Amino acid sequence: MLNLCIEHNPRAGFTLIEVLVGLAILSIMLALGMPSLANYMGNARIRASASSLHAAAQLARTEAIRRNAVVELILTDDAPTLVNTANLSTTGQNWIVRLWDPGAATFRLLQGKSALEGGSTSVVVTGTTSRLTFNGMGRSAGGVATFVFTSTSGVCADVHGVGPMRCLDVRVSAAGQARLCDALITTAGDSRACT
C-alpha cells in the first residue's frame, strides 16, 4: 500500500526577522524610487497635453486646407464645447478647433479638448496668442505662435538640464507648420530642438 504521509520540516519557511529585514529593504527601495516616479508622471502629463495641442494645430491646418476655409484654434477657459465663446485666454486650459461658417455667420465645432484631461491640474499652458487662424492655404494668418507647457508641481529644467520637469513648446510657423519641441535642446540636427 502507498504511504501518503508527508513529512513536515519544522525549519521550512521564513522567520519573523527575515520577513522584517525583507520589508525594510523593500521600503527603502520604494522611498528612493518615489521622487523619480513623481517626476516621470509630471513629465508624462506635460507631454500628453503638449501632444494634444500639437495634434489640434495640425488638425486645424489640415481642415483649413481640405475645406479651403478659415479654421481657428483658440485657447479658452470655457468648456471645450462652447464653440462661439468670446472668452479667449493666452493661459486657457481648454482649446477648440472651429470652422467659420459664413452662411450661418457662426462657428462650427471640429474638436474640443482640455489640458486637464485625465484629472491632472498640474499642467499650465501659456501662449503668445489666444487665437491661431489658418487660411485655406494652411498658413497662419496671425504669424508665428508659441505655446509653452509647464508644470505647477515642479520647476522646469534649466539650460543645463537641471530640474525635475522637461517643459515643452508647441511652435507654429507663419507657414502653418506645427512643431512639438524642447526649448532646452540646442544641438544642431536634433529633431527635438525648437530651432
Protein backbone atom coordinates (compact mmCIF):
# COMPACT_ATOMS: atom_id res chain seq x y z
CA MET A 1 0.00 0.00 0.00
CA LEU A 2 1.12 3.50 -0.73
CA ASN A 3 2.06 5.69 2.21
CA LEU A 4 0.60 9.20 1.66
CA CYS A 5 2.09 10.76 4.75
CA ILE A 6 4.08 13.92 4.06
CA GLU A 7 6.88 14.76 6.38
CA HIS A 8 6.71 18.27 7.80
CA ASN A 9 10.03 20.05 8.20
CA PRO A 10 9.81 22.48 11.12
CA ARG A 11 12.58 24.65 9.55
CA ALA A 12 10.64 25.36 6.31
CA GLY A 13 9.51 28.98 5.67
CA PHE A 14 10.79 32.35 6.83
CA THR A 15 11.47 33.57 10.32
CA LEU A 16 9.98 36.82 11.57
CA ILE A 17 13.40 38.50 11.43
CA GLU A 18 13.86 37.53 7.77
CA VAL A 19 10.44 38.93 6.85
CA LEU A 20 11.13 42.22 8.69
CA VAL A 21 14.52 42.63 7.02
CA GLY A 22 12.93 41.98 3.61
CA LEU A 23 10.20 44.57 4.28
CA ALA A 24 12.78 47.11 5.43
CA ILE A 25 14.80 46.66 2.23
CA LEU A 26 11.65 46.93 0.10
CA SER A 27 10.58 50.12 1.93
CA ILE A 28 13.97 51.74 1.38
CA MET A 29 13.91 50.89 -2.34
CA LEU A 30 10.40 52.32 -2.73
CA ALA A 31 11.34 55.50 -0.85
CA LEU A 32 14.32 56.02 -3.16
CA GLY A 33 12.21 55.46 -6.28
CA MET A 34 9.23 57.68 -5.41
CA PRO A 35 10.75 61.05 -6.46
CA SER A 36 11.75 59.58 -9.81
CA LEU A 37 8.26 58.20 -10.32
CA ALA A 38 6.67 61.56 -9.45
CA ASN A 39 8.96 63.35 -11.95
CA TYR A 40 8.17 60.75 -14.61
CA MET A 41 4.42 61.23 -14.09
CA GLY A 42 4.75 65.04 -14.24
CA ASN A 43 6.76 64.85 -17.47
CA ALA A 44 4.22 62.41 -18.94
CA ARG A 45 1.36 64.82 -18.16
CA ILE A 46 3.20 67.74 -19.80
CA ARG A 47 3.99 65.63 -22.88
CA ALA A 48 0.38 64.39 -23.18
CA SER A 49 -1.06 67.92 -23.00
CA ALA A 50 1.52 69.33 -25.42
CA SER A 51 0.92 66.45 -27.85
CA SER A 52 -2.82 67.08 -27.70
CA LEU A 53 -2.43 70.78 -28.60
CA HIS A 54 0.11 69.88 -31.31
CA ALA A 55 -2.42 67.46 -32.83
CA ALA A 56 -5.12 70.14 -32.61
CA ALA A 57 -2.92 72.63 -34.50
CA GLN A 58 -2.25 70.03 -37.19
CA LEU A 59 -5.97 69.26 -37.41
CA ALA A 60 -6.85 72.96 -37.75
CA ARG A 61 -4.34 73.44 -40.57
CA THR A 62 -5.40 70.25 -42.36
CA GLU A 63 -9.09 71.15 -42.16
CA ALA A 64 -8.38 74.68 -43.42
CA ILE A 65 -6.62 73.26 -46.48
CA ARG A 66 -9.16 70.49 -47.04
CA ARG A 67 -12.16 72.82 -46.83
CA ASN A 68 -10.39 75.88 -48.31
CA ALA A 69 -11.83 77.85 -45.41
CA VAL A 70 -10.80 79.72 -42.29
CA VAL A 71 -10.26 77.41 -39.31
CA GLU A 72 -9.27 78.64 -35.85
CA LEU A 73 -7.56 77.04 -32.90
CA ILE A 74 -8.42 79.00 -29.77
CA LEU A 75 -7.36 78.83 -26.13
CA THR A 76 -10.13 79.43 -23.62
CA ASP A 77 -11.10 78.76 -20.03
CA ASP A 78 -14.67 77.99 -21.14
CA ALA A 79 -15.84 74.44 -21.68
CA PRO A 80 -14.26 72.95 -24.83
CA THR A 81 -17.75 72.53 -26.32
CA LEU A 82 -18.68 76.24 -26.40
CA VAL A 83 -17.74 76.87 -29.99
CA ASN A 84 -18.86 80.53 -30.19
CA THR A 85 -17.12 81.61 -26.99
CA ALA A 86 -15.61 85.06 -26.83
CA ASN A 87 -13.64 84.34 -23.65
CA LEU A 88 -10.24 83.75 -25.18
CA SER A 89 -7.20 83.49 -22.92
CA THR A 90 -3.48 83.04 -23.55
CA THR A 91 -3.41 80.84 -20.45
CA GLY A 92 -6.60 78.94 -21.29
CA GLN A 93 -6.72 75.33 -20.13
CA ASN A 94 -9.03 74.27 -22.99
CA TRP A 95 -8.67 74.50 -26.75
CA ILE A 96 -11.19 74.41 -29.54
CA VAL A 97 -10.73 73.85 -33.26
CA ARG A 98 -13.58 75.60 -35.03
CA LEU A 99 -14.61 76.32 -38.60
CA TRP A 100 -16.10 79.65 -39.65
CA ASP A 101 -19.40 79.10 -41.47
CA PRO A 102 -20.06 82.30 -43.47
CA GLY A 103 -23.58 81.19 -44.44
CA ALA A 104 -24.69 80.91 -40.83
CA ALA A 105 -22.30 83.66 -39.63
CA THR A 106 -21.19 81.39 -36.79
CA PHE A 107 -18.52 78.84 -35.95
CA ARG A 108 -18.89 75.06 -36.17
CA LEU A 109 -17.08 72.83 -33.69
CA LEU A 110 -14.50 70.49 -35.18
CA GLN A 111 -12.80 69.42 -31.93
CA GLY A 112 -12.58 70.49 -28.32
CA LYS A 113 -10.01 69.32 -25.77
CA SER A 114 -8.87 70.17 -22.28
CA ALA A 115 -5.35 70.34 -20.84
CA LEU A 116 -6.92 68.90 -17.70
CA GLU A 117 -7.99 65.64 -19.34
CA GLY A 118 -7.10 62.71 -17.16
CA GLY A 119 -7.83 64.66 -13.97
CA SER A 120 -4.49 66.46 -13.86
CA THR A 121 -4.38 70.09 -12.77
CA SER A 122 -0.59 70.23 -12.78
CA VAL A 123 -0.12 71.38 -16.40
CA VAL A 124 -0.03 75.09 -17.24
CA VAL A 125 -0.35 76.35 -20.82
CA THR A 126 0.85 79.83 -21.80
CA GLY A 127 0.53 81.04 -25.38
CA THR A 128 1.78 84.09 -27.22
CA THR A 129 -1.71 84.31 -28.69
CA SER A 130 -5.13 83.02 -27.73
CA ARG A 131 -6.28 82.61 -31.35
CA LEU A 132 -4.46 80.81 -34.13
CA THR A 133 -6.16 81.26 -37.50
CA PHE A 134 -5.34 79.15 -40.57
CA ASN A 135 -6.44 80.25 -44.05
CA GLY A 136 -7.38 77.98 -46.95
CA MET A 137 -3.71 77.69 -47.94
CA GLY A 138 -2.83 76.35 -44.46
CA ARG A 139 -0.88 79.46 -43.49
CA SER A 140 -1.10 81.01 -40.06
CA ALA A 141 -2.88 84.33 -40.54
CA GLY A 142 -1.54 85.70 -37.26
CA GLY A 143 2.08 84.79 -37.91
CA VAL A 144 4.27 82.82 -35.52
CA ALA A 145 2.79 81.46 -32.28
CA THR A 146 4.34 79.65 -29.31
CA PHE A 147 2.54 77.67 -26.61
CA VAL A 148 4.65 76.75 -23.57
CA PHE A 149 3.67 73.81 -21.37
CA THR A 150 4.97 73.90 -17.80
CA SER A 151 4.11 72.24 -14.51
CA THR A 152 2.79 73.64 -11.25
CA SER A 153 4.31 70.77 -9.30
CA GLY A 154 7.94 71.32 -10.22
CA VAL A 155 10.47 73.68 -11.71
CA CYS A 156 11.34 73.26 -15.36
CA ALA A 157 14.85 72.16 -16.19
CA ASP A 158 17.30 75.00 -16.85
CA VAL A 159 19.69 75.30 -19.80
CA HIS A 160 21.98 72.74 -18.17
CA GLY A 161 19.14 70.22 -17.84
CA VAL A 162 18.98 70.64 -14.05
CA GLY A 163 15.44 70.42 -12.72
CA PRO A 164 12.79 67.76 -12.41
CA MET A 165 10.46 68.73 -15.28
CA ARG A 166 11.09 68.87 -19.04
CA CYS A 167 8.78 71.63 -20.18
CA LEU A 168 7.78 71.56 -23.85
CA ASP A 169 6.75 74.06 -26.52
CA VAL A 170 4.34 73.85 -29.42
CA ARG A 171 5.51 76.32 -32.05
CA VAL A 172 3.57 77.25 -35.16
CA SER A 173 5.39 78.98 -38.01
CA ALA A 174 3.93 81.63 -40.30
CA ALA A 175 3.69 78.89 -42.95
CA GLY A 176 1.41 76.96 -40.58
CA GLN A 177 3.78 74.15 -39.62
CA ALA A 178 3.21 72.99 -36.04
CA ARG A 179 6.16 71.60 -34.11
CA LEU A 180 6.38 69.96 -30.67
CA CYS A 181 9.83 70.68 -29.27
CA ASP A 182 12.05 71.10 -26.21
CA ALA A 183 13.46 74.63 -25.93
CA LEU A 184 16.43 73.42 -23.88
CA ILE A 185 17.86 71.30 -26.68
CA THR A 186 20.20 73.37 -28.83
CA THR A 187 22.23 70.65 -30.55
CA ALA A 188 22.28 71.18 -34.30
CA GLY A 189 20.41 68.46 -36.14
CA ASP A 190 18.50 67.20 -33.08
CA SER A 191 14.85 66.74 -34.10
CA ARG A 192 13.66 67.60 -30.58
CA ALA A 193 15.15 71.13 -30.75
CA CYS A 194 12.92 74.14 -31.41
CA THR A 195 15.38 75.82 -33.76
